[in-house]
Each structure stands twice: as structure tokens, then as C-alpha cells.
C-alpha atoms as a PDB file:
ATOM      1  CA  MET A   1      17.865  26.417 182.689  1.00  0.00           C
ATOM      2  CA  ALA A   2      16.792  22.757 182.393  1.00  0.00           C
ATOM      3  CA  ALA A   3      20.328  21.539 183.129  1.00  0.00           C
ATOM      4  CA  ARG A   4      20.488  23.718 186.241  1.00  0.00           C
ATOM      5  CA  GLN A   5      17.124  22.425 187.453  1.00  0.00           C
ATOM      6  CA  ALA A   6      18.217  18.817 186.844  1.00  0.00           C
ATOM      7  CA  SER A   7      21.435  19.449 188.785  1.00  0.00           C
ATOM      8  CA  MET A   8      19.518  20.949 191.712  1.00  0.00           C
ATOM      9  CA  LYS A   9      17.152  17.959 191.736  1.00  0.00           C
ATOM     10  CA  GLU A  10      20.107  15.537 191.764  1.00  0.00           C
ATOM     11  CA  MET A  11      21.655  17.390 194.712  1.00  0.00           C
ATOM     12  CA  ALA A  12      18.356  17.396 196.586  1.00  0.00           C
ATOM     13  CA  ALA A  13      17.873  13.667 195.988  1.00  0.00           C
ATOM     14  CA  ALA A  14      21.428  12.913 197.151  1.00  0.00           C
ATOM     15  CA  ALA A  15      21.041  15.008 200.311  1.00  0.00           C
ATOM     16  CA  LYS A  16      17.684  13.378 201.023  1.00  0.00           C
ATOM     17  CA  ALA A  17      19.145   9.883 200.591  1.00  0.00           C
ATOM     18  CA  ILE A  18      21.969  10.628 203.028  1.00  0.00           C
ATOM     19  CA  ALA A  19      19.624  12.227 205.559  1.00  0.00           C
ATOM     20  CA  GLU A  20      17.224   9.292 205.353  1.00  0.00           C
ATOM     21  CA  MET A  21      20.035   6.766 205.811  1.00  0.00           C
ATOM     22  CA  PHE A  22      21.326   8.546 208.894  1.00  0.00           C
ATOM     23  CA  GLY A  23      17.813   9.209 210.134  1.00  0.00           C
ATOM     24  CA  GLY A  24      16.807   5.543 209.876  1.00  0.00           C
ATOM     25  CA  LYS A  25      14.129   6.188 207.246  1.00  0.00           C
ATOM     26  CA  ARG A  26      16.091   4.396 204.518  1.00  0.00           C
ATOM     27  CA  VAL A  27      18.239   1.304 204.690  1.00  0.00           C
ATOM     28  CA  TYR A  28      21.893   2.292 204.870  1.00  0.00           C
ATOM     29  CA  GLU A  29      23.899   0.991 201.933  1.00  0.00           C
ATOM     30  CA  PRO A  30      27.570   2.048 201.766  1.00  0.00           C
ATOM     31  CA  VAL A  31      27.587   2.063 197.943  1.00  0.00           C
ATOM     32  CA  ALA A  32      24.467   4.254 197.750  1.00  0.00           C
ATOM     33  CA  PHE A  33      25.883   6.504 200.469  1.00  0.00           C
ATOM     34  CA  LYS A  34      29.122   6.937 198.503  1.00  0.00           C
ATOM     35  CA  ALA A  35      27.206   7.637 195.275  1.00  0.00           C
ATOM     36  CA  ALA A  36      25.101  10.307 196.995  1.00  0.00           C
ATOM     37  CA  ALA A  37      28.182  11.898 198.569  1.00  0.00           C
ATOM     38  CA  ASP A  38      29.954  11.893 195.190  1.00  0.00           C
ATOM     39  CA  THR A  39      26.930  13.591 193.598  1.00  0.00           C
ATOM     40  CA  LEU A  40      27.032  16.369 196.184  1.00  0.00           C
ATOM     41  CA  SER A  41      30.769  16.774 195.737  1.00  0.00           C
ATOM     42  CA  ALA A  42      30.468  16.991 191.944  1.00  0.00           C
ATOM     43  CA  ARG A  43      27.611  19.492 191.982  1.00  0.00           C
ATOM     44  CA  THR A  44      28.783  21.980 194.639  1.00  0.00           C
ATOM     45  CA  GLY A  45      31.646  24.462 194.855  1.00  0.00           C
ATOM     46  CA  ALA A  46      32.767  25.797 191.477  1.00  0.00           C
ATOM     47  CA  ALA A  47      30.222  23.603 189.667  1.00  0.00           C
ATOM     48  CA  LEU A  48      27.365  25.174 191.636  1.00  0.00           C
ATOM     49  CA  ILE A  49      28.662  28.685 190.968  1.00  0.00           C
ATOM     50  CA  ALA A  50      28.874  27.874 187.245  1.00  0.00           C
ATOM     51  CA  GLU A  51      25.206  26.794 187.280  1.00  0.00           C
ATOM     52  CA  PHE A  52      24.189  30.376 188.160  1.00  0.00           C
ATOM     53  CA  PRO A  53      26.056  32.723 185.796  1.00  0.00           C
ATOM     54  CA  ARG A  54      25.729  36.399 186.625  1.00  0.00           C
ATOM     55  CA  GLY A  55      22.827  38.001 184.789  1.00  0.00           C
ATOM     56  CA  THR A  56      20.964  34.758 183.968  1.00  0.00           C
ATOM     57  CA  LEU A  57      18.709  34.690 186.990  1.00  0.00           C
ATOM     58  CA  GLY A  58      15.072  35.603 187.532  1.00  0.00           C
ATOM     59  CA  ALA A  59      12.301  34.991 185.009  1.00  0.00           C
ATOM     60  CA  PRO A  60      11.995  32.728 183.141  1.00  0.00           C
ATOM     61  CA  SER A  61      14.649  30.581 184.844  1.00  0.00           C
ATOM     62  CA  GLY A  62      13.068  30.604 188.290  1.00  0.00           C
ATOM     63  CA  ALA A  63      16.459  31.226 189.925  1.00  0.00           C
ATOM     64  CA  ARG A  64      16.176  34.030 192.439  1.00  0.00           C
ATOM     65  CA  PRO A  65      17.644  37.349 191.285  1.00  0.00           C
ATOM     66  CA  GLU A  66      18.838  37.828 194.892  1.00  0.00           C
ATOM     67  CA  ILE A  67      21.696  35.471 194.007  1.00  0.00           C
ATOM     68  CA  ASP A  68      23.162  38.182 191.781  1.00  0.00           C
ATOM     69  CA  GLU A  69      22.449  40.835 194.402  1.00  0.00           C
ATOM     70  CA  ALA A  70      24.436  38.822 196.970  1.00  0.00           C
ATOM     71  CA  ARG A  71      26.977  37.278 194.570  1.00  0.00           C
ATOM     72  CA  PRO A  72      29.982  37.277 196.986  1.00  0.00           C
ATOM     73  CA  GLU A  73      27.946  35.591 199.726  1.00  0.00           C
ATOM     74  CA  PHE A  74      26.459  33.076 197.278  1.00  0.00           C
ATOM     75  CA  GLU A  75      29.890  32.141 195.963  1.00  0.00           C
ATOM     76  CA  ALA A  76      31.361  31.872 199.483  1.00  0.00           C
ATOM     77  CA  LEU A  77      28.484  29.614 200.529  1.00  0.00           C
ATOM     78  CA  ALA A  78      28.812  27.477 197.381  1.00  0.00           C
ATOM     79  CA  ARG A  79      32.550  27.021 198.010  1.00  0.00           C
ATOM     80  CA  HIS A  80      31.930  26.202 201.690  1.00  0.00           C
ATOM     81  CA  ILE A  81      29.300  23.603 200.813  1.00  0.00           C
ATOM     82  CA  GLY A  82      31.709  22.243 198.202  1.00  0.00           C
ATOM     83  CA  ARG A  83      34.448  21.734 200.785  1.00  0.00           C
ATOM     84  CA  LEU A  84      31.996  19.949 203.091  1.00  0.00           C
ATOM     85  CA  ALA A  85      30.722  17.777 200.242  1.00  0.00           C
ATOM     86  CA  ASP A  86      34.287  16.934 199.171  1.00  0.00           C
ATOM     87  CA  ALA A  87      35.147  15.881 202.741  1.00  0.00           C
ATOM     88  CA  LEU A  88      31.987  13.763 202.948  1.00  0.00           C
ATOM     89  CA  ALA A  89      32.751  12.063 199.628  1.00  0.00           C
ATOM     90  CA  ASP A  90      36.309  11.384 200.767  1.00  0.00           C
ATOM     91  CA  LYS A  91      35.143   9.846 204.043  1.00  0.00           C
ATOM     92  CA  ALA A  92      32.398   7.894 202.237  1.00  0.00           C
ATOM     93  CA  GLY A  93      35.163   5.970 200.470  1.00  0.00           C
ATOM     94  CA  ASN A  94      35.855   4.290 203.824  1.00  0.00           C
ATOM     95  CA  ALA A  95      32.247   4.099 204.975  1.00  0.00           C
ATOM     96  CA  PRO A  96      31.560   1.370 207.519  1.00  0.00           C
ATOM     97  CA  PRO A  97      29.304  -1.533 206.551  1.00  0.00           C
ATOM     98  CA  GLU A  98      26.584  -0.265 208.888  1.00  0.00           C
ATOM     99  CA  ILE A  99      25.581   2.868 210.761  1.00  0.00           C
ATOM    100  CA  THR A 100      25.913   2.602 214.501  1.00  0.00           C
ATOM    101  CA  ALA A 101      23.534   4.257 216.964  1.00  0.00           C
ATOM    102  CA  ASP A 102      26.079   6.992 217.778  1.00  0.00           C
ATOM    103  CA  MET A 103      26.212   7.948 214.090  1.00  0.00           C
ATOM    104  CA  ARG A 104      22.439   8.430 213.749  1.00  0.00           C
ATOM    105  CA  MET A 105      20.919  11.878 213.396  1.00  0.00           C
ATOM    106  CA  THR A 106      18.626  12.707 216.251  1.00  0.00           C
ATOM    107  CA  GLY A 107      16.469  15.793 216.273  1.00  0.00           C
ATOM    108  CA  PRO A 108      16.269  18.405 213.545  1.00  0.00           C
ATOM    109  CA  PRO A 109      19.287  19.319 211.389  1.00  0.00           C
ATOM    110  CA  MET A 110      21.528  22.049 212.766  1.00  0.00           C
ATOM    111  CA  ASP A 111      19.816  25.425 212.683  1.00  0.00           C
ATOM    112  CA  GLY A 112      16.649  23.744 211.395  1.00  0.00           C
ATOM    113  CA  GLY A 113      18.067  23.687 207.857  1.00  0.00           C
ATOM    114  CA  SER A 114      18.648  20.967 205.326  1.00  0.00           C
ATOM    115  CA  LEU A 115      21.915  19.173 204.623  1.00  0.00           C
ATOM    116  CA  LEU A 116      22.528  21.757 201.918  1.00  0.00           C
ATOM    117  CA  GLY A 117      22.187  24.653 204.331  1.00  0.00           C
ATOM    118  CA  LYS A 118      19.469  26.765 205.840  1.00  0.00           C
ATOM    119  CA  ARG A 119      17.527  28.752 203.294  1.00  0.00           C
ATOM    120  CA  PRO A 120      17.376  32.449 204.161  1.00  0.00           C
ATOM    121  CA  ALA A 121      14.185  34.461 203.890  1.00  0.00           C
ATOM    122  CA  PRO A 122      13.861  36.097 200.444  1.00  0.00           C
ATOM    123  CA  SER A 123      14.489  39.565 201.857  1.00  0.00           C
ATOM    124  CA  ARG A 124      17.851  38.605 203.396  1.00  0.00           C
ATOM    125  CA  PRO A 125      21.092  38.146 201.445  1.00  0.00           C
ATOM    126  CA  ILE A 126      22.631  34.687 201.446  1.00  0.00           C
ATOM    127  CA  GLN A 127      25.111  34.402 204.322  1.00  0.00           C
ATOM    128  CA  PRO A 128      27.623  31.580 204.714  1.00  0.00           C
ATOM    129  CA  LYS A 129      27.617  29.884 208.106  1.00  0.00           C
ATOM    130  CA  CYS A 130      31.104  29.970 209.566  1.00  0.00           C
ATOM    131  CA  ARG A 131      32.254  27.689 212.316  1.00  0.00           C
ATOM    132  CA  PRO A 132      34.914  28.798 214.809  1.00  0.00           C
ATOM    133  CA  ASN A 133      38.446  28.233 213.527  1.00  0.00           C
ATOM    134  CA  THR A 134      37.314  27.687 209.918  1.00  0.00           C
ATOM    135  CA  SER A 135      37.372  29.802 206.786  1.00  0.00           C
ATOM    136  CA  CYS A 136      34.226  30.742 204.882  1.00  0.00           C
ATOM    137  CA  THR A 137      35.957  31.894 201.731  1.00  0.00           C
END
């Protein structure tokens, strides 16, 4: 439980650092950007699925039991986020020395969600967001 919480906090901090760099709220540093991207890559996909073993959710862990109820959707979303994080980490290896104006984030994140994905309401199962001409599995 504590390891899972620590992992989630590391992912949140990495996503926040990247968002703040692109949003102009934090000084962009290519090395810090790469480290944050690597953290997301290491903690998503299969690693994220492994953090939430079937039957270990709910009290006292604090992980929502809905994850087990929507296991296929959770795993598809975790794999999708993992592929995005892997691509970001790969591109971060060739990050430019500075962020140009056309690279900046303007307005709210897509769909009003975070870099890690929009959080569904508790009563809805977790649904992966699929883009045209891409796979969600």
C-alpha cells in the first residue's frame, strides 16, 4: 500500500513538473524534463497494472474498488498511458535546450483532465480515450 502511494505521488510530481514547464510556471530544464518523462514511463503500463493487483483494492488501501469492477478498462488505460509516457521519454532524450512559444500549453489540458488522463466520476467505469487511427489495447 505505501509503495503504491509513493509511486502515485512520484507520477503526480513528474506530470506536474512537465505541465508547469510547458505552462511557463516552472523554468524549463531539459534534464529535469527528461527525468520526469522517465519517471512516467517507468511507472505506467505494466508497472501501473502491477501496483493494483486484483482483490487488493478498497479499505484500508484507499484504492478504489471500482478498479477491480472495471479491470479490462483500467488495464487498457494503463497500457495506453504507458505507450504515451514511453514516447514522451523517448522524445525527451532529444529535448531542445528551450521551449519555444509554439510548444507552450495554452488553455486547459485536453478534455479538462490532467496529463495522466481525465478522472471519471466514481459511478462510471474507467474508459480509455481512443484517438482516431490508434489502438486502445
